[in-house]
Amino acid sequence: MSVLLFMIPLALFLGLIGLAAFIWSIKSGQYSDLEGAARRILIDEDPE
């Protein structure tokens, strides 16, 4: 039972960190250009 008193707050804290990182990535524009990334992988560049 004492393990739960440690693990539940730890899980909530890690979940909040993940949520904050996700919100930060949305606000910084990480998901704004999904088509560009999909097309860049198809560009064939010849090595010089």
PDB file of N, CA and C in Angstrom:
ATOM      1  N   MET A   1       0.817  -1.190   0.000  1.00  0.00           N
ATOM      2  CA  MET A   1       0.000   0.000   0.000  1.00  0.00           C
ATOM      3  C   MET A   1       0.858   1.249   0.000  1.00  0.00           C
ATOM      4  N   SER A   2       2.005   1.192   0.661  1.00  0.00           N
ATOM      5  CA  SER A   2       2.865   2.370   0.721  1.00  0.00           C
ATOM      6  C   SER A   2       3.498   2.660  -0.643  1.00  0.00           C
ATOM      7  N   VAL A   3       3.602   1.643  -1.480  1.00  0.00           N
ATOM      8  CA  VAL A   3       4.143   1.843  -2.828  1.00  0.00           C
ATOM      9  C   VAL A   3       3.180   2.694  -3.656  1.00  0.00           C
ATOM     10  N   LEU A   4       1.884   2.490  -3.465  1.00  0.00           N
ATOM     11  CA  LEU A   4       0.893   3.277  -4.187  1.00  0.00           C
ATOM     12  C   LEU A   4       0.975   4.754  -3.819  1.00  0.00           C
ATOM     13  N   LEU A   5       1.312   5.052  -2.594  1.00  0.00           N
ATOM     14  CA  LEU A   5       1.443   6.452  -2.178  1.00  0.00           C
ATOM     15  C   LEU A   5       2.609   7.133  -2.879  1.00  0.00           C
ATOM     16  N   PHE A   6       3.542   6.369  -3.368  1.00  0.00           N
ATOM     17  CA  PHE A   6       4.665   6.910  -4.116  1.00  0.00           C
ATOM     18  C   PHE A   6       4.411   6.884  -5.624  1.00  0.00           C
ATOM     19  N   MET A   7       3.818   5.810  -6.119  1.00  0.00           N
ATOM     20  CA  MET A   7       3.663   5.622  -7.558  1.00  0.00           C
ATOM     21  C   MET A   7       2.560   6.480  -8.178  1.00  0.00           C
ATOM     22  N   ILE A   8       1.461   6.690  -7.474  1.00  0.00           N
ATOM     23  CA  ILE A   8       0.367   7.484  -8.045  1.00  0.00           C
ATOM     24  C   ILE A   8       0.784   8.935  -8.260  1.00  0.00           C
ATOM     25  N   PRO A   9       1.385   9.618  -7.300  1.00  0.00           N
ATOM     26  CA  PRO A   9       1.848  10.987  -7.580  1.00  0.00           C
ATOM     27  C   PRO A   9       2.934  11.036  -8.652  1.00  0.00           C
ATOM     28  N   LEU A  10       3.789  10.033  -8.695  1.00  0.00           N
ATOM     29  CA  LEU A  10       4.826   9.982  -9.715  1.00  0.00           C
ATOM     30  C   LEU A  10       4.217   9.840 -11.103  1.00  0.00           C
ATOM     31  N   ALA A  11       3.213   8.980 -11.240  1.00  0.00           N
ATOM     32  CA  ALA A  11       2.541   8.801 -12.529  1.00  0.00           C
ATOM     33  C   ALA A  11       1.814  10.080 -12.945  1.00  0.00           C
ATOM     34  N   LEU A  12       1.165  10.751 -12.018  1.00  0.00           N
ATOM     35  CA  LEU A  12       0.493  12.011 -12.329  1.00  0.00           C
ATOM     36  C   LEU A  12       1.499  13.081 -12.737  1.00  0.00           C
ATOM     37  N   PHE A  13       2.614  13.137 -12.070  1.00  0.00           N
ATOM     38  CA  PHE A  13       3.653  14.115 -12.397  1.00  0.00           C
ATOM     39  C   PHE A  13       4.224  13.863 -13.789  1.00  0.00           C
ATOM     40  N   LEU A  14       4.511  12.617 -14.124  1.00  0.00           N
ATOM     41  CA  LEU A  14       5.031  12.292 -15.450  1.00  0.00           C
ATOM     42  C   LEU A  14       3.991  12.546 -16.535  1.00  0.00           C
ATOM     43  N   GLY A  15       2.729  12.298 -16.227  1.00  0.00           N
ATOM     44  CA  GLY A  15       1.668  12.600 -17.173  1.00  0.00           C
ATOM     45  C   GLY A  15       1.556  14.091 -17.441  1.00  0.00           C
ATOM     46  N   LEU A  16       1.696  14.903 -16.408  1.00  0.00           N
ATOM     47  CA  LEU A  16       1.647  16.355 -16.578  1.00  0.00           C
ATOM     48  C   LEU A  16       2.846  16.863 -17.375  1.00  0.00           C
ATOM     49  N   ILE A  17       3.995  16.251 -17.189  1.00  0.00           N
ATOM     50  CA  ILE A  17       5.171  16.627 -17.978  1.00  0.00           C
ATOM     51  C   ILE A  17       4.934  16.301 -19.453  1.00  0.00           C
ATOM     52  N   GLY A  18       4.379  15.138 -19.732  1.00  0.00           N
ATOM     53  CA  GLY A  18       4.070  14.762 -21.106  1.00  0.00           C
ATOM     54  C   GLY A  18       3.044  15.681 -21.735  1.00  0.00           C
ATOM     55  N   LEU A  19       2.018  16.054 -20.983  1.00  0.00           N
ATOM     56  CA  LEU A  19       0.996  16.967 -21.486  1.00  0.00           C
ATOM     57  C   LEU A  19       1.591  18.343 -21.760  1.00  0.00           C
ATOM     58  N   ALA A  20       2.455  18.827 -20.871  1.00  0.00           N
ATOM     59  CA  ALA A  20       3.093  20.120 -21.070  1.00  0.00           C
ATOM     60  C   ALA A  20       3.992  20.102 -22.307  1.00  0.00           C
ATOM     61  N   ALA A  21       4.715  19.003 -22.531  1.00  0.00           N
ATOM     62  CA  ALA A  21       5.568  18.900 -23.716  1.00  0.00           C
ATOM     63  C   ALA A  21       4.729  18.868 -24.989  1.00  0.00           C
ATOM     64  N   PHE A  22       3.587  18.203 -24.947  1.00  0.00           N
ATOM     65  CA  PHE A  22       2.700  18.146 -26.108  1.00  0.00           C
ATOM     66  C   PHE A  22       2.116  19.525 -26.415  1.00  0.00           C
ATOM     67  N   ILE A  23       1.668  20.228 -25.400  1.00  0.00           N
ATOM     68  CA  ILE A  23       1.115  21.570 -25.600  1.00  0.00           C
ATOM     69  C   ILE A  23       2.191  22.510 -26.116  1.00  0.00           C
ATOM     70  N   TRP A  24       3.410  22.406 -25.586  1.00  0.00           N
ATOM     71  CA  TRP A  24       4.512  23.240 -26.067  1.00  0.00           C
ATOM     72  C   TRP A  24       4.810  22.961 -27.536  1.00  0.00           C
ATOM     73  N   SER A  25       4.775  21.686 -27.938  1.00  0.00           N
ATOM     74  CA  SER A  25       5.066  21.355 -29.335  1.00  0.00           C
ATOM     75  C   SER A  25       3.988  21.881 -30.269  1.00  0.00           C
ATOM     76  N   ILE A  26       2.749  21.906 -29.827  1.00  0.00           N
ATOM     77  CA  ILE A  26       1.678  22.468 -30.649  1.00  0.00           C
ATOM     78  C   ILE A  26       1.857  23.979 -30.787  1.00  0.00           C
ATOM     79  N   LYS A  27       2.150  24.653 -29.685  1.00  0.00           N
ATOM     80  CA  LYS A  27       2.288  26.111 -29.713  1.00  0.00           C
ATOM     81  C   LYS A  27       3.530  26.559 -30.475  1.00  0.00           C
ATOM     82  N   SER A  28       4.565  25.728 -30.532  1.00  0.00           N
ATOM     83  CA  SER A  28       5.787  26.124 -31.239  1.00  0.00           C
ATOM     84  C   SER A  28       5.738  25.799 -32.722  1.00  0.00           C
ATOM     85  N   GLY A  29       4.651  25.183 -33.192  1.00  0.00           N
ATOM     86  CA  GLY A  29       4.471  24.959 -34.616  1.00  0.00           C
ATOM     87  C   GLY A  29       5.056  23.665 -35.140  1.00  0.00           C
ATOM     88  N   GLN A  30       5.222  22.678 -34.310  1.00  0.00           N
ATOM     89  CA  GLN A  30       5.791  21.410 -34.754  1.00  0.00           C
ATOM     90  C   GLN A  30       4.862  20.665 -35.709  1.00  0.00           C
ATOM     91  N   TYR A  31       3.570  20.889 -35.614  1.00  0.00           N
ATOM     92  CA  TYR A  31       2.601  20.161 -36.427  1.00  0.00           C
ATOM     93  C   TYR A  31       1.965  21.032 -37.501  1.00  0.00           C
ATOM     94  N   SER A  32       2.563  22.173 -37.808  1.00  0.00           N
ATOM     95  CA  SER A  32       1.929  23.106 -38.734  1.00  0.00           C
ATOM     96  C   SER A  32       2.098  22.696 -40.197  1.00  0.00           C
ATOM     97  N   ASP A  33       3.173  22.010 -40.560  1.00  0.00           N
ATOM     98  CA  ASP A  33       3.430  21.671 -41.957  1.00  0.00           C
ATOM     99  C   ASP A  33       3.620  20.165 -42.108  1.00  0.00           C
ATOM    100  N   LEU A  34       2.526  19.432 -42.071  1.00  0.00           N
ATOM    101  CA  LEU A  34       2.615  17.975 -42.190  1.00  0.00           C
ATOM    102  C   LEU A  34       2.846  17.537 -43.626  1.00  0.00           C
ATOM    103  N   GLU A  35       2.327  18.282 -44.590  1.00  0.00           N
ATOM    104  CA  GLU A  35       2.504  17.916 -45.996  1.00  0.00           C
ATOM    105  C   GLU A  35       3.950  18.132 -46.444  1.00  0.00           C
ATOM    106  N   GLY A  36       4.597  19.153 -45.951  1.00  0.00           N
ATOM    107  CA  GLY A  36       5.980  19.431 -46.348  1.00  0.00           C
ATOM    108  C   GLY A  36       6.926  18.311 -45.951  1.00  0.00           C
ATOM    109  N   ALA A  37       6.752  17.796 -44.756  1.00  0.00           N
ATOM    110  CA  ALA A  37       7.604  16.699 -44.292  1.00  0.00           C
ATOM    111  C   ALA A  37       7.356  15.435 -45.112  1.00  0.00           C
ATOM    112  N   ALA A  38       6.107  15.214 -45.498  1.00  0.00           N
ATOM    113  CA  ALA A  38       5.785  14.024 -46.294  1.00  0.00           C
ATOM    114  C   ALA A  38       6.377  14.124 -47.697  1.00  0.00           C
ATOM    115  N   ARG A  39       6.475  15.318 -48.230  1.00  0.00           N
ATOM    116  CA  ARG A  39       7.016  15.476 -49.581  1.00  0.00           C
ATOM    117  C   ARG A  39       8.536  15.541 -49.588  1.00  0.00           C
ATOM    118  N   ARG A  40       9.144  16.050 -48.521  1.00  0.00           N
ATOM    119  CA  ARG A  40      10.605  16.136 -48.464  1.00  0.00           C
ATOM    120  C   ARG A  40      11.262  14.764 -48.490  1.00  0.00           C
ATOM    121  N   ILE A  41      10.581  13.765 -47.944  1.00  0.00           N
ATOM    122  CA  ILE A  41      11.174  12.427 -47.910  1.00  0.00           C
ATOM    123  C   ILE A  41      11.215  11.810 -49.307  1.00  0.00           C
ATOM    124  N   LEU A  42      10.378  12.299 -50.219  1.00  0.00           N
ATOM    125  CA  LEU A  42      10.323  11.747 -51.566  1.00  0.00           C
ATOM    126  C   LEU A  42      11.289  12.434 -52.532  1.00  0.00           C
ATOM    127  N   ILE A  43      11.888  13.536 -52.124  1.00  0.00           N
ATOM    128  CA  ILE A  43      12.812  14.248 -53.017  1.00  0.00           C
ATOM    129  C   ILE A  43      14.089  13.434 -53.159  1.00  0.00           C
ATOM    130  N   ASP A  44      14.464  13.176 -54.404  1.00  0.00           N
ATOM    131  CA  ASP A  44      15.666  12.392 -54.685  1.00  0.00           C
ATOM    132  C   ASP A  44      16.824  13.337 -54.973  1.00  0.00           C
ATOM    133  N   GLU A  45      17.724  13.452 -54.038  1.00  0.00           N
ATOM    134  CA  GLU A  45      18.889  14.301 -54.211  1.00  0.00           C
ATOM    135  C   GLU A  45      20.092  13.447 -54.565  1.00  0.00           C
ATOM    136  N   ASP A  46      20.779  13.801 -55.635  1.00  0.00           N
ATOM    137  CA  ASP A  46      21.965  13.060 -56.040  1.00  0.00           C
ATOM    138  C   ASP A  46      23.161  13.509 -55.201  1.00  0.00           C
ATOM    139  N   PRO A  47      23.895  12.566 -54.621  1.00  0.00           N
ATOM    140  CA  PRO A  47      25.108  12.946 -53.885  1.00  0.00           C
ATOM    141  C   PRO A  47      26.190  13.430 -54.855  1.00  0.00           C
ATOM    142  N   GLU A  48      26.873  14.448 -54.459  1.00  0.00           N
ATOM    143  CA  GLU A  48      27.916  15.005 -55.330  1.00  0.00           C
ATOM    144  C   GLU A  48      29.268  14.427 -55.039  1.00  0.00           C
TER     145      GLU A  48
END
